[in-house]
Amino acid sequence: MRIAIAGAGAVGRSIAAELTESGHEVMLIERDATHFAPEVVEQAEWVLADACEFSSLEEADLQSCDVVIAATGDDKVNLVYSLLAKTEFAVRRVVARVNDPRNEWLFTEAWGIDVAVSTPRMLAAMVEEAVSIGGMVQLLSLRQGKANLTEVTLPEQTPLAGKPVRTLELPRDAALVAILRGERVIVPVAEDSLEPGDELLFVAAPGVEAAIRAATGA
């Protein structure tokens, strides 16, 4: 896929590095010359331009992209870039970073956004989930980089359909951090209901994937 990322700060660069390693064609758009460092992610195409300017995006051939990611540290920029990408350049999928959780209500389809990612909320949910199950070992593992991401999809005939997240009997060293439901990314709370086809994303210690799959029937 061809992917355009607005914002070449720490977040944008990290995303670009991951995507290029996976074989995707990535373009990084950055307006701040001090962040313009093609040598950091050499496999990516770098463009020094303002992601909020239509002419700059047109020159960068944004319409040829399959996905755009708004990853700047400014929510206003992310909103404008997302709206331009969807309405003016007909980009199929738009993912936007939410910097201030108070602005999360704006990051909707009305602004051309298919998926909104609130980093503070995600991190808070991860910690709260870990603490709620008494997993201090989890927190230590997360801090030391000894955790894995595990994804499972609930089958159509799952017995968990309609049941709240709190009924999941997870191993001690696993935490549910996100539910992908269609175009939505849900940061789960205990009372959220599960549905067939939900993609569940867990942070877990190595070696507990089998227990997670057994708990979810996946």
C-alpha atoms as a PDB file:
ATOM      1  CA  MET A   1       0.000   0.000   0.000  1.00  0.00           C
ATOM      2  CA  ARG A   2       0.970   3.617  -0.462  1.00  0.00           C
ATOM      3  CA  ILE A   3       0.640   5.504   2.812  1.00  0.00           C
ATOM      4  CA  ALA A   4       1.084   9.210   3.552  1.00  0.00           C
ATOM      5  CA  ILE A   5       1.947  10.303   7.088  1.00  0.00           C
ATOM      6  CA  ALA A   6       1.641  13.928   8.178  1.00  0.00           C
ATOM      7  CA  GLY A   7       4.100  14.730  10.924  1.00  0.00           C
ATOM      8  CA  ALA A   8       7.690  13.511  11.089  1.00  0.00           C
ATOM      9  CA  GLY A   9       8.141  13.803  14.826  1.00  0.00           C
ATOM     10  CA  ALA A  10       8.899  10.793  16.996  1.00  0.00           C
ATOM     11  CA  VAL A  11       5.453   9.264  16.393  1.00  0.00           C
ATOM     12  CA  GLY A  12       5.401   9.766  12.630  1.00  0.00           C
ATOM     13  CA  ARG A  13       8.930   8.456  12.186  1.00  0.00           C
ATOM     14  CA  SER A  14       8.210   5.356  14.264  1.00  0.00           C
ATOM     15  CA  ILE A  15       5.093   4.577  12.246  1.00  0.00           C
ATOM     16  CA  ALA A  16       6.977   5.126   8.983  1.00  0.00           C
ATOM     17  CA  ALA A  17       9.794   2.816  10.055  1.00  0.00           C
ATOM     18  CA  GLU A  18       7.365   0.041  10.973  1.00  0.00           C
ATOM     19  CA  LEU A  19       5.402   0.359   7.732  1.00  0.00           C
ATOM     20  CA  THR A  20       8.444   0.467   5.456  1.00  0.00           C
ATOM     21  CA  GLU A  21       9.835  -2.636   7.154  1.00  0.00           C
ATOM     22  CA  SER A  22       6.535  -4.340   6.337  1.00  0.00           C
ATOM     23  CA  GLY A  23       7.010  -3.514   2.659  1.00  0.00           C
ATOM     24  CA  HIS A  24       4.670  -0.542   2.323  1.00  0.00           C
ATOM     25  CA  GLU A  25       5.440   2.575   0.312  1.00  0.00           C
ATOM     26  CA  VAL A  26       5.501   5.466   2.777  1.00  0.00           C
ATOM     27  CA  MET A  27       5.573   9.244   2.300  1.00  0.00           C
ATOM     28  CA  LEU A  28       6.338  11.493   5.276  1.00  0.00           C
ATOM     29  CA  ILE A  29       5.019  15.072   5.070  1.00  0.00           C
ATOM     30  CA  GLU A  30       6.660  17.557   7.439  1.00  0.00           C
ATOM     31  CA  ARG A  31       6.495  21.366   7.442  1.00  0.00           C
ATOM     32  CA  ASP A  32       9.142  21.967  10.143  1.00  0.00           C
ATOM     33  CA  ALA A  33      12.630  21.917   8.651  1.00  0.00           C
ATOM     34  CA  THR A  34      14.092  20.929  12.030  1.00  0.00           C
ATOM     35  CA  HIS A  35      12.142  17.648  11.873  1.00  0.00           C
ATOM     36  CA  PHE A  36      13.029  17.013   8.243  1.00  0.00           C
ATOM     37  CA  ALA A  37      15.572  14.185   8.468  1.00  0.00           C
ATOM     38  CA  PRO A  38      15.383  11.726   5.555  1.00  0.00           C
ATOM     39  CA  GLU A  39      18.384   9.833   6.891  1.00  0.00           C
ATOM     40  CA  VAL A  40      16.315   8.670   9.896  1.00  0.00           C
ATOM     41  CA  VAL A  41      13.886   6.639   7.771  1.00  0.00           C
ATOM     42  CA  GLU A  42      15.736   6.284   4.491  1.00  0.00           C
ATOM     43  CA  GLN A  43      13.201   3.935   2.902  1.00  0.00           C
ATOM     44  CA  ALA A  44      10.458   6.574   3.096  1.00  0.00           C
ATOM     45  CA  GLU A  45       9.814   9.438   0.697  1.00  0.00           C
ATOM     46  CA  TRP A  46      10.164  12.755   2.524  1.00  0.00           C
ATOM     47  CA  VAL A  47       8.228  15.886   1.553  1.00  0.00           C
ATOM     48  CA  LEU A  48       8.877  19.300   3.116  1.00  0.00           C
ATOM     49  CA  ALA A  49       5.430  20.870   2.966  1.00  0.00           C
ATOM     50  CA  ASP A  50       2.415  22.017   4.953  1.00  0.00           C
ATOM     51  CA  ALA A  51      -0.089  19.154   5.238  1.00  0.00           C
ATOM     52  CA  CYS A  52      -2.909  21.698   5.537  1.00  0.00           C
ATOM     53  CA  GLU A  53      -2.272  23.271   2.140  1.00  0.00           C
ATOM     54  CA  PHE A  54      -4.258  21.816  -0.741  1.00  0.00           C
ATOM     55  CA  SER A  55      -1.615  22.691  -3.326  1.00  0.00           C
ATOM     56  CA  SER A  56       1.119  20.963  -1.332  1.00  0.00           C
ATOM     57  CA  LEU A  57      -0.923  17.781  -1.009  1.00  0.00           C
ATOM     58  CA  GLU A  58      -1.804  17.890  -4.695  1.00  0.00           C
ATOM     59  CA  GLU A  59       1.846  18.243  -5.603  1.00  0.00           C
ATOM     60  CA  ALA A  60       2.668  15.312  -3.313  1.00  0.00           C
ATOM     61  CA  ASP A  61       0.088  13.233  -5.261  1.00  0.00           C
ATOM     62  CA  LEU A  62      -1.968  12.439  -2.165  1.00  0.00           C
ATOM     63  CA  GLN A  63      -4.761  11.032  -4.314  1.00  0.00           C
ATOM     64  CA  SER A  64      -2.536   8.065  -5.146  1.00  0.00           C
ATOM     65  CA  CYS A  65      -2.424   6.990  -1.486  1.00  0.00           C
ATOM     66  CA  ASP A  66      -4.478   4.115  -0.095  1.00  0.00           C
ATOM     67  CA  VAL A  67      -4.197   5.327   3.499  1.00  0.00           C
ATOM     68  CA  VAL A  68      -3.260   8.594   5.172  1.00  0.00           C
ATOM     69  CA  ILE A  69      -2.221   8.986   8.795  1.00  0.00           C
ATOM     70  CA  ALA A  70      -2.469  12.289  10.640  1.00  0.00           C
ATOM     71  CA  ALA A  71       0.279  11.954  13.237  1.00  0.00           C
ATOM     72  CA  THR A  72       1.247  15.522  14.086  1.00  0.00           C
ATOM     73  CA  GLY A  73       1.243  16.883  17.620  1.00  0.00           C
ATOM     74  CA  ASP A  74      -1.425  19.463  16.726  1.00  0.00           C
ATOM     75  CA  ASP A  75      -5.055  18.299  16.694  1.00  0.00           C
ATOM     76  CA  LYS A  76      -6.106  21.181  14.433  1.00  0.00           C
ATOM     77  CA  VAL A  77      -3.591  20.122  11.791  1.00  0.00           C
ATOM     78  CA  ASN A  78      -4.661  16.506  12.073  1.00  0.00           C
ATOM     79  CA  LEU A  79      -8.313  17.430  11.571  1.00  0.00           C
ATOM     80  CA  VAL A  80      -7.698  19.641   8.536  1.00  0.00           C
ATOM     81  CA  TYR A  81      -5.332  17.135   6.925  1.00  0.00           C
ATOM     82  CA  SER A  82      -7.860  14.336   7.459  1.00  0.00           C
ATOM     83  CA  LEU A  83     -10.711  16.342   5.980  1.00  0.00           C
ATOM     84  CA  LEU A  84      -8.688  17.324   2.910  1.00  0.00           C
ATOM     85  CA  ALA A  85      -7.516  13.751   2.383  1.00  0.00           C
ATOM     86  CA  LYS A  86     -11.039  12.337   2.458  1.00  0.00           C
ATOM     87  CA  THR A  87     -13.062  15.058   0.715  1.00  0.00           C
ATOM     88  CA  GLU A  88     -10.605  16.512  -1.780  1.00  0.00           C
ATOM     89  CA  PHE A  89      -8.369  13.541  -2.567  1.00  0.00           C
ATOM     90  CA  ALA A  90     -10.806  10.654  -1.981  1.00  0.00           C
ATOM     91  CA  VAL A  91      -8.370   8.655   0.163  1.00  0.00           C
ATOM     92  CA  ARG A  92     -10.059   5.412   1.128  1.00  0.00           C
ATOM     93  CA  ARG A  93      -8.880   5.161   4.747  1.00  0.00           C
ATOM     94  CA  VAL A  94      -7.932   7.978   7.117  1.00  0.00           C
ATOM     95  CA  VAL A  95      -6.369   7.399  10.537  1.00  0.00           C
ATOM     96  CA  ALA A  96      -5.858  10.324  12.911  1.00  0.00           C
ATOM     97  CA  ARG A  97      -3.980  10.829  16.164  1.00  0.00           C
ATOM     98  CA  VAL A  98      -5.827  12.573  18.985  1.00  0.00           C
ATOM     99  CA  ASN A  99      -3.393  14.519  21.161  1.00  0.00           C
ATOM    100  CA  ASP A 100      -5.822  16.106  23.607  1.00  0.00           C
ATOM    101  CA  PRO A 101      -8.589  13.721  24.800  1.00  0.00           C
ATOM    102  CA  ARG A 102     -10.915  16.733  25.152  1.00  0.00           C
ATOM    103  CA  ASN A 103     -10.906  16.988  21.349  1.00  0.00           C
ATOM    104  CA  GLU A 104     -11.783  13.356  20.752  1.00  0.00           C
ATOM    105  CA  TRP A 105     -15.437  14.161  20.011  1.00  0.00           C
ATOM    106  CA  LEU A 106     -14.309  16.023  16.877  1.00  0.00           C
ATOM    107  CA  PHE A 107     -12.464  13.063  15.368  1.00  0.00           C
ATOM    108  CA  THR A 108     -15.375  11.528  13.484  1.00  0.00           C
ATOM    109  CA  GLU A 109     -16.513  10.812   9.936  1.00  0.00           C
ATOM    110  CA  ALA A 110     -17.688  14.425   9.736  1.00  0.00           C
ATOM    111  CA  TRP A 111     -14.003  15.343   9.537  1.00  0.00           C
ATOM    112  CA  GLY A 112     -13.229  12.468   7.165  1.00  0.00           C
ATOM    113  CA  ILE A 113     -11.724  10.257   9.878  1.00  0.00           C
ATOM    114  CA  ASP A 114     -12.249   6.505   9.764  1.00  0.00           C
ATOM    115  CA  VAL A 115     -10.158   5.613  12.806  1.00  0.00           C
ATOM    116  CA  ALA A 116      -9.231   7.961  15.674  1.00  0.00           C
ATOM    117  CA  VAL A 117      -6.450   6.939  18.050  1.00  0.00           C
ATOM    118  CA  SER A 118      -6.222   8.699  21.409  1.00  0.00           C
ATOM    119  CA  THR A 119      -2.819   7.841  22.830  1.00  0.00           C
ATOM    120  CA  PRO A 120      -3.452   9.148  26.376  1.00  0.00           C
ATOM    121  CA  ARG A 121      -6.743   7.255  26.583  1.00  0.00           C
ATOM    122  CA  MET A 122      -5.212   4.050  25.246  1.00  0.00           C
ATOM    123  CA  LEU A 123      -2.351   4.188  27.720  1.00  0.00           C
ATOM    124  CA  ALA A 124      -4.671   4.969  30.622  1.00  0.00           C
ATOM    125  CA  ALA A 125      -6.915   2.064  29.674  1.00  0.00           C
ATOM    126  CA  MET A 126      -3.938  -0.280  29.544  1.00  0.00           C
ATOM    127  CA  VAL A 127      -2.827   0.717  33.048  1.00  0.00           C
ATOM    128  CA  GLU A 128      -6.355   0.609  34.484  1.00  0.00           C
ATOM    129  CA  GLU A 129      -7.002  -2.819  32.994  1.00  0.00           C
ATOM    130  CA  ALA A 130      -3.720  -4.131  34.364  1.00  0.00           C
ATOM    131  CA  VAL A 131      -4.439  -2.777  37.840  1.00  0.00           C
ATOM    132  CA  SER A 132      -8.039  -3.997  37.853  1.00  0.00           C
ATOM    133  CA  ILE A 133      -6.960  -7.613  37.494  1.00  0.00           C
ATOM    134  CA  GLY A 134      -4.279  -7.278  40.104  1.00  0.00           C
ATOM    135  CA  GLY A 135      -1.521  -7.724  37.537  1.00  0.00           C
ATOM    136  CA  MET A 136       1.463  -5.941  39.026  1.00  0.00           C
ATOM    137  CA  VAL A 137       3.618  -8.435  37.145  1.00  0.00           C
ATOM    138  CA  GLN A 138       1.935  -7.139  34.003  1.00  0.00           C
ATOM    139  CA  LEU A 139       2.977  -3.582  34.707  1.00  0.00           C
ATOM    140  CA  LEU A 140       6.553  -4.611  35.338  1.00  0.00           C
ATOM    141  CA  SER A 141       6.594  -6.623  32.132  1.00  0.00           C
ATOM    142  CA  LEU A 142       5.195  -3.720  30.150  1.00  0.00           C
ATOM    143  CA  ARG A 143       7.797  -1.355  31.540  1.00  0.00           C
ATOM    144  CA  GLN A 144      10.616  -3.746  30.736  1.00  0.00           C
ATOM    145  CA  GLY A 145       9.424  -4.371  27.178  1.00  0.00           C
ATOM    146  CA  LYS A 146       8.545  -8.001  27.853  1.00  0.00           C
ATOM    147  CA  ALA A 147       4.984  -7.880  26.573  1.00  0.00           C
ATOM    148  CA  ASN A 148       3.536  -9.120  23.298  1.00  0.00           C
ATOM    149  CA  LEU A 149       0.540  -7.961  21.290  1.00  0.00           C
ATOM    150  CA  THR A 150      -1.970 -10.739  20.642  1.00  0.00           C
ATOM    151  CA  GLU A 151      -4.983 -10.371  18.362  1.00  0.00           C
ATOM    152  CA  VAL A 152      -7.963 -12.725  18.250  1.00  0.00           C
ATOM    153  CA  THR A 153     -11.272 -12.530  16.371  1.00  0.00           C
ATOM    154  CA  LEU A 154     -14.455 -13.715  18.037  1.00  0.00           C
ATOM    155  CA  PRO A 155     -16.234 -16.331  15.853  1.00  0.00           C
ATOM    156  CA  GLU A 156     -19.772 -15.813  14.592  1.00  0.00           C
ATOM    157  CA  GLN A 157     -21.156 -18.361  17.067  1.00  0.00           C
ATOM    158  CA  THR A 158     -19.177 -17.088  20.048  1.00  0.00           C
ATOM    159  CA  PRO A 159     -20.770 -17.771  23.438  1.00  0.00           C
ATOM    160  CA  LEU A 160     -19.416 -14.385  24.523  1.00  0.00           C
ATOM    161  CA  ALA A 161     -21.899 -12.490  22.318  1.00  0.00           C
ATOM    162  CA  GLY A 162     -23.678  -9.842  24.360  1.00  0.00           C
ATOM    163  CA  LYS A 163     -21.588 -10.474  27.452  1.00  0.00           C
ATOM    164  CA  PRO A 164     -19.610  -7.678  29.125  1.00  0.00           C
ATOM    165  CA  VAL A 165     -15.835  -7.487  28.922  1.00  0.00           C
ATOM    166  CA  ARG A 166     -15.550  -8.163  32.664  1.00  0.00           C
ATOM    167  CA  THR A 167     -16.727 -11.754  32.123  1.00  0.00           C
ATOM    168  CA  LEU A 168     -13.587 -12.632  30.158  1.00  0.00           C
ATOM    169  CA  GLU A 169     -11.555 -15.068  32.232  1.00  0.00           C
ATOM    170  CA  LEU A 170      -8.124 -13.945  31.133  1.00  0.00           C
ATOM    171  CA  PRO A 171      -4.798 -15.224  32.413  1.00  0.00           C
ATOM    172  CA  ARG A 172      -3.111 -13.055  35.016  1.00  0.00           C
ATOM    173  CA  ASP A 173      -0.548 -11.647  32.583  1.00  0.00           C
ATOM    174  CA  ALA A 174      -2.940 -10.470  29.871  1.00  0.00           C
ATOM    175  CA  ALA A 175      -4.982  -7.295  29.394  1.00  0.00           C
ATOM    176  CA  LEU A 176      -7.556  -6.382  26.746  1.00  0.00           C
ATOM    177  CA  VAL A 177      -6.571  -2.935  25.436  1.00  0.00           C
ATOM    178  CA  ALA A 178      -8.694  -2.437  22.307  1.00  0.00           C
ATOM    179  CA  ILE A 179     -11.678  -3.817  20.406  1.00  0.00           C
ATOM    180  CA  LEU A 180     -11.790  -3.319  16.640  1.00  0.00           C
ATOM    181  CA  ARG A 181     -15.411  -3.403  15.479  1.00  0.00           C
ATOM    182  CA  GLY A 182     -15.840  -2.570  11.826  1.00  0.00           C
ATOM    183  CA  GLU A 183     -14.396   0.912  11.368  1.00  0.00           C
ATOM    184  CA  ARG A 184     -14.396   1.639  15.113  1.00  0.00           C
ATOM    185  CA  VAL A 185     -11.555   1.374  17.601  1.00  0.00           C
ATOM    186  CA  ILE A 186     -13.026   0.891  21.075  1.00  0.00           C
ATOM    187  CA  VAL A 187     -11.024   1.333  24.270  1.00  0.00           C
ATOM    188  CA  PRO A 188     -12.964  -1.167  26.398  1.00  0.00           C
ATOM    189  CA  VAL A 189     -14.360  -0.712  29.879  1.00  0.00           C
ATOM    190  CA  ALA A 190     -15.695  -3.512  32.065  1.00  0.00           C
ATOM    191  CA  GLU A 191     -19.342  -3.100  31.004  1.00  0.00           C
ATOM    192  CA  ASP A 192     -18.768  -2.929  27.230  1.00  0.00           C
ATOM    193  CA  SER A 193     -20.481  -5.807  25.410  1.00  0.00           C
ATOM    194  CA  LEU A 194     -18.687  -8.196  23.093  1.00  0.00           C
ATOM    195  CA  GLU A 195     -20.000  -9.020  19.622  1.00  0.00           C
ATOM    196  CA  PRO A 196     -19.312 -11.742  17.026  1.00  0.00           C
ATOM    197  CA  GLY A 197     -16.574 -10.647  14.647  1.00  0.00           C
ATOM    198  CA  ASP A 198     -14.929  -8.345  17.187  1.00  0.00           C
ATOM    199  CA  GLU A 199     -11.157  -8.212  16.854  1.00  0.00           C
ATOM    200  CA  LEU A 200      -9.675  -8.153  20.337  1.00  0.00           C
ATOM    201  CA  LEU A 201      -6.194  -6.770  20.931  1.00  0.00           C
ATOM    202  CA  PHE A 202      -4.378  -7.921  24.063  1.00  0.00           C
ATOM    203  CA  VAL A 203      -1.117  -6.937  25.704  1.00  0.00           C
ATOM    204  CA  ALA A 204       0.238 -10.112  27.286  1.00  0.00           C
ATOM    205  CA  ALA A 205       3.301 -11.725  28.712  1.00  0.00           C
ATOM    206  CA  PRO A 206       5.045 -14.257  26.437  1.00  0.00           C
ATOM    207  CA  GLY A 207       3.584 -17.738  26.578  1.00  0.00           C
ATOM    208  CA  VAL A 208      -0.042 -16.933  27.430  1.00  0.00           C
ATOM    209  CA  GLU A 209      -1.474 -16.685  23.905  1.00  0.00           C
ATOM    210  CA  ALA A 210      -2.967 -20.185  24.131  1.00  0.00           C
ATOM    211  CA  ALA A 211      -4.740 -19.242  27.366  1.00  0.00           C
ATOM    212  CA  ILE A 212      -6.133 -16.090  25.759  1.00  0.00           C
ATOM    213  CA  ARG A 213      -7.474 -18.057  22.806  1.00  0.00           C
ATOM    214  CA  ALA A 214      -9.030 -20.592  25.157  1.00  0.00           C
ATOM    215  CA  ALA A 215     -10.697 -17.815  27.164  1.00  0.00           C
ATOM    216  CA  THR A 216     -12.145 -16.207  24.042  1.00  0.00           C
ATOM    217  CA  GLY A 217     -12.975 -19.400  22.146  1.00  0.00           C
ATOM    218  CA  ALA A 218     -11.004 -18.167  19.165  1.00  0.00           C
END
